[in-house]
């Protein structure tokens, strides 16, 4: 879906489709599930997705070639440990 906030590098928001066929964008998932978590809390999210960097708009992604975490520019952070 087209990114209306202007924060996605590729201009597109990642989405999941709910059981009632509504699009839930990664910004909404981050705001609801991630941003409100306090420090010391761990969240592990398992998502069955065909492709996506992150369905939760997390600030890091795993670079398989370098075997290291890369921070995406302009990303949001949480005080919690989100995996």
Protein backbone atom coordinates (compact mmCIF):
# COMPACT_ATOMS: atom_id res chain seq x y z
CA UNK A 1 0.00 0.00 0.00
CA UNK A 2 1.25 3.51 -0.78
CA UNK A 3 3.01 5.12 2.20
CA UNK A 4 1.08 8.26 3.18
CA UNK A 5 3.45 9.24 6.02
CA UNK A 6 6.52 9.57 3.79
CA UNK A 7 8.76 7.49 6.06
CA UNK A 8 9.16 4.38 3.89
CA UNK A 9 12.26 4.42 1.67
CA UNK A 10 10.48 2.57 -1.13
CA UNK A 11 7.27 4.62 -0.78
CA UNK A 12 5.22 1.60 0.26
CA UNK A 13 3.87 0.43 3.64
CA UNK A 14 3.94 -3.29 4.42
CA UNK A 15 0.55 -4.74 5.34
CA UNK A 16 -1.11 -7.80 6.69
CA UNK A 17 -4.69 -8.71 5.87
CA UNK A 18 -7.05 -9.31 8.78
CA UNK A 19 -9.62 -12.10 8.84
CA UNK A 20 -12.29 -9.57 7.82
CA UNK A 21 -10.16 -8.58 4.77
CA UNK A 22 -8.92 -5.20 6.09
CA UNK A 23 -5.36 -3.97 5.51
CA UNK A 24 -3.38 -3.38 8.68
CA UNK A 25 -0.26 -1.34 7.85
CA UNK A 26 3.11 -1.67 9.56
CA UNK A 27 2.75 1.83 11.08
CA UNK A 28 -0.41 0.70 12.92
CA UNK A 29 1.25 -2.51 14.11
CA UNK A 30 4.26 -0.56 15.43
CA UNK A 31 2.02 1.99 17.18
CA UNK A 32 -0.22 -0.67 18.75
CA UNK A 33 2.22 -3.47 19.58
CA UNK A 34 5.70 -1.93 19.86
CA UNK A 35 5.80 1.76 20.74
CA UNK A 36 3.93 1.43 24.04
CA UNK A 37 6.09 -1.36 25.48
CA UNK A 38 8.12 -0.31 28.53
CA UNK A 39 11.82 -0.94 29.06
CA UNK A 40 12.57 -4.46 30.25
CA UNK A 41 9.73 -6.07 28.30
CA UNK A 42 10.49 -8.53 25.50
CA UNK A 43 8.15 -9.03 22.55
CA UNK A 44 8.64 -11.86 20.09
CA UNK A 45 6.43 -11.57 17.02
CA UNK A 46 6.10 -14.40 14.51
CA UNK A 47 4.52 -13.37 11.24
CA UNK A 48 3.83 -15.65 8.28
CA UNK A 49 4.55 -13.26 5.41
CA UNK A 50 5.39 -13.88 1.78
CA UNK A 51 7.99 -11.08 1.79
CA UNK A 52 8.76 -8.02 3.84
CA UNK A 53 11.65 -6.38 5.60
CA UNK A 54 9.59 -6.05 8.74
CA UNK A 55 5.87 -6.06 9.31
CA UNK A 56 6.36 -4.08 12.51
CA UNK A 57 8.47 -1.18 11.19
CA UNK A 58 11.41 -2.20 13.37
CA UNK A 59 14.60 -0.14 13.13
CA UNK A 60 17.01 -2.98 12.29
CA UNK A 61 17.22 -5.76 9.73
CA UNK A 62 19.57 -8.75 9.49
CA UNK A 63 22.12 -8.61 6.68
CA UNK A 64 22.70 -12.25 5.73
CA UNK A 65 25.86 -11.51 3.77
CA UNK A 66 27.61 -9.57 6.55
CA UNK A 67 25.93 -11.50 9.39
CA UNK A 68 25.13 -8.25 11.18
CA UNK A 69 22.22 -6.00 12.13
CA UNK A 70 21.76 -2.88 9.97
CA UNK A 71 19.80 0.14 11.16
CA UNK A 72 17.35 1.54 8.64
CA UNK A 73 17.54 5.33 8.28
CA UNK A 74 14.66 7.35 9.75
CA UNK A 75 13.21 4.48 11.78
CA UNK A 76 11.29 4.47 15.05
CA UNK A 77 12.50 2.91 18.29
CA UNK A 78 10.95 1.33 21.37
CA UNK A 79 12.28 1.05 24.91
CA UNK A 80 11.44 -2.68 24.87
CA UNK A 81 13.39 -5.60 23.41
CA UNK A 82 11.45 -6.43 20.23
CA UNK A 83 12.52 -9.38 18.06
